[in-house]
Amino acid sequence: MSKKKIVVAVTGASGAIYAQLLLQKLQQLSAQIAEVAVVMSDNAKQVWQFEMDNTDYDKLPYKIYAKNDFMAPFA
């Protein structure tokens, strides 16, 4: 079975805890996944800070792309 590449898009909607949990679970599955990329809108970062009272998305081992990064590998 080949390893998959995954892109996770996080919008500014409420529910930052779900994005955090998903990204943590993907980190635990890193032996089975080739790559994870994250797209976060500016609003998503604000909502994360408000709901989670932190900016821990910066500490995850994934490249975070801006919503308008048309040079991202998956774009």
C-alpha atoms as a PDB file:
ATOM      1  CA  MET A   1       0.000   0.000   0.000  1.00  0.00           C
ATOM      2  CA  SER A   2       1.439   3.381  -0.984  1.00  0.00           C
ATOM      3  CA  LYS A   3       1.559   6.264   1.448  1.00  0.00           C
ATOM      4  CA  LYS A   4      -0.906   9.061   0.784  1.00  0.00           C
ATOM      5  CA  LYS A   5      -0.451  12.809   0.642  1.00  0.00           C
ATOM      6  CA  ILE A   6      -3.125  14.693   2.582  1.00  0.00           C
ATOM      7  CA  VAL A   7      -4.209  18.331   2.441  1.00  0.00           C
ATOM      8  CA  VAL A   8      -6.233  19.705   5.341  1.00  0.00           C
ATOM      9  CA  ALA A   9      -8.076  23.000   4.817  1.00  0.00           C
ATOM     10  CA  VAL A  10      -9.102  24.943   7.913  1.00  0.00           C
ATOM     11  CA  THR A  11     -11.623  27.762   7.483  1.00  0.00           C
ATOM     12  CA  GLY A  12     -12.663  30.461   9.902  1.00  0.00           C
ATOM     13  CA  ALA A  13     -15.706  28.555  11.066  1.00  0.00           C
ATOM     14  CA  SER A  14     -16.087  27.677  14.721  1.00  0.00           C
ATOM     15  CA  GLY A  15     -14.647  24.326  15.776  1.00  0.00           C
ATOM     16  CA  ALA A  16     -10.889  24.791  15.955  1.00  0.00           C
ATOM     17  CA  ILE A  17     -10.735  21.871  18.401  1.00  0.00           C
ATOM     18  CA  TYR A  18     -11.733  19.513  15.581  1.00  0.00           C
ATOM     19  CA  ALA A  19      -8.933  20.786  13.344  1.00  0.00           C
ATOM     20  CA  GLN A  20      -6.471  20.394  16.200  1.00  0.00           C
ATOM     21  CA  LEU A  21      -7.608  16.842  16.949  1.00  0.00           C
ATOM     22  CA  LEU A  22      -7.436  15.827  13.285  1.00  0.00           C
ATOM     23  CA  LEU A  23      -3.926  17.238  12.873  1.00  0.00           C
ATOM     24  CA  GLN A  24      -2.767  15.497  16.049  1.00  0.00           C
ATOM     25  CA  LYS A  25      -4.207  12.164  14.869  1.00  0.00           C
ATOM     26  CA  LEU A  26      -2.521  12.555  11.493  1.00  0.00           C
ATOM     27  CA  GLN A  27       0.743  13.167  13.332  1.00  0.00           C
ATOM     28  CA  GLN A  28       0.263   9.845  15.148  1.00  0.00           C
ATOM     29  CA  LEU A  29      -0.250   8.135  11.781  1.00  0.00           C
ATOM     30  CA  SER A  30       2.880   9.656  10.240  1.00  0.00           C
ATOM     31  CA  ALA A  31       4.380   6.238   9.465  1.00  0.00           C
ATOM     32  CA  GLN A  32       1.423   5.581   7.138  1.00  0.00           C
ATOM     33  CA  ILE A  33       1.253   9.040   5.510  1.00  0.00           C
ATOM     34  CA  ALA A  34       3.741  10.462   3.010  1.00  0.00           C
ATOM     35  CA  GLU A  35       2.940  14.116   3.616  1.00  0.00           C
ATOM     36  CA  VAL A  36       0.405  16.412   5.257  1.00  0.00           C
ATOM     37  CA  ALA A  37      -0.071  20.004   4.141  1.00  0.00           C
ATOM     38  CA  VAL A  38      -2.346  22.504   5.882  1.00  0.00           C
ATOM     39  CA  VAL A  39      -4.172  25.460   4.349  1.00  0.00           C
ATOM     40  CA  MET A  40      -5.411  27.961   6.922  1.00  0.00           C
ATOM     41  CA  SER A  41      -7.288  31.157   6.239  1.00  0.00           C
ATOM     42  CA  ASP A  42      -6.470  34.230   8.295  1.00  0.00           C
ATOM     43  CA  ASN A  43      -9.877  33.858   9.946  1.00  0.00           C
ATOM     44  CA  ALA A  44      -9.056  30.249  10.847  1.00  0.00           C
ATOM     45  CA  LYS A  45      -5.971  31.424  12.716  1.00  0.00           C
ATOM     46  CA  GLN A  46      -8.005  34.056  14.563  1.00  0.00           C
ATOM     47  CA  VAL A  47     -10.718  31.572  15.493  1.00  0.00           C
ATOM     48  CA  TRP A  48      -8.072  29.076  16.669  1.00  0.00           C
ATOM     49  CA  GLN A  49      -6.510  31.744  18.895  1.00  0.00           C
ATOM     50  CA  PHE A  50      -9.897  32.761  20.291  1.00  0.00           C
ATOM     51  CA  GLU A  51     -11.279  29.258  20.879  1.00  0.00           C
ATOM     52  CA  MET A  52      -8.074  27.516  21.916  1.00  0.00           C
ATOM     53  CA  ASP A  53      -6.307  30.469  23.565  1.00  0.00           C
ATOM     54  CA  ASN A  54      -3.062  29.571  21.775  1.00  0.00           C
ATOM     55  CA  THR A  55      -1.301  29.515  18.416  1.00  0.00           C
ATOM     56  CA  ASP A  56      -0.216  25.881  18.603  1.00  0.00           C
ATOM     57  CA  TYR A  57      -0.959  25.399  14.903  1.00  0.00           C
ATOM     58  CA  ASP A  58       2.498  26.911  14.402  1.00  0.00           C
ATOM     59  CA  LYS A  59       4.030  24.065  16.423  1.00  0.00           C
ATOM     60  CA  LEU A  60       2.661  21.241  14.282  1.00  0.00           C
ATOM     61  CA  PRO A  61       5.195  19.501  12.031  1.00  0.00           C
ATOM     62  CA  TYR A  62       3.349  20.459   8.849  1.00  0.00           C
ATOM     63  CA  LYS A  63       3.859  23.172   6.293  1.00  0.00           C
ATOM     64  CA  ILE A  64       1.047  25.706   6.580  1.00  0.00           C
ATOM     65  CA  TYR A  65       0.039  27.417   3.351  1.00  0.00           C
ATOM     66  CA  ALA A  66      -1.943  30.625   2.977  1.00  0.00           C
ATOM     67  CA  LYS A  67      -5.314  30.374   1.286  1.00  0.00           C
ATOM     68  CA  ASN A  68      -4.015  32.350  -1.703  1.00  0.00           C
ATOM     69  CA  ASP A  69      -0.741  30.441  -2.182  1.00  0.00           C
ATOM     70  CA  PHE A  70      -1.157  29.337  -5.764  1.00  0.00           C
ATOM     71  CA  MET A  71       2.398  27.984  -5.781  1.00  0.00           C
ATOM     72  CA  ALA A  72       1.572  25.350  -3.155  1.00  0.00           C
ATOM     73  CA  PRO A  73       2.391  21.879  -4.548  1.00  0.00           C
ATOM     74  CA  PHE A  74      -1.233  20.746  -4.462  1.00  0.00           C
ATOM     75  CA  ALA A  75      -2.665  23.902  -6.105  1.00  0.00           C
END
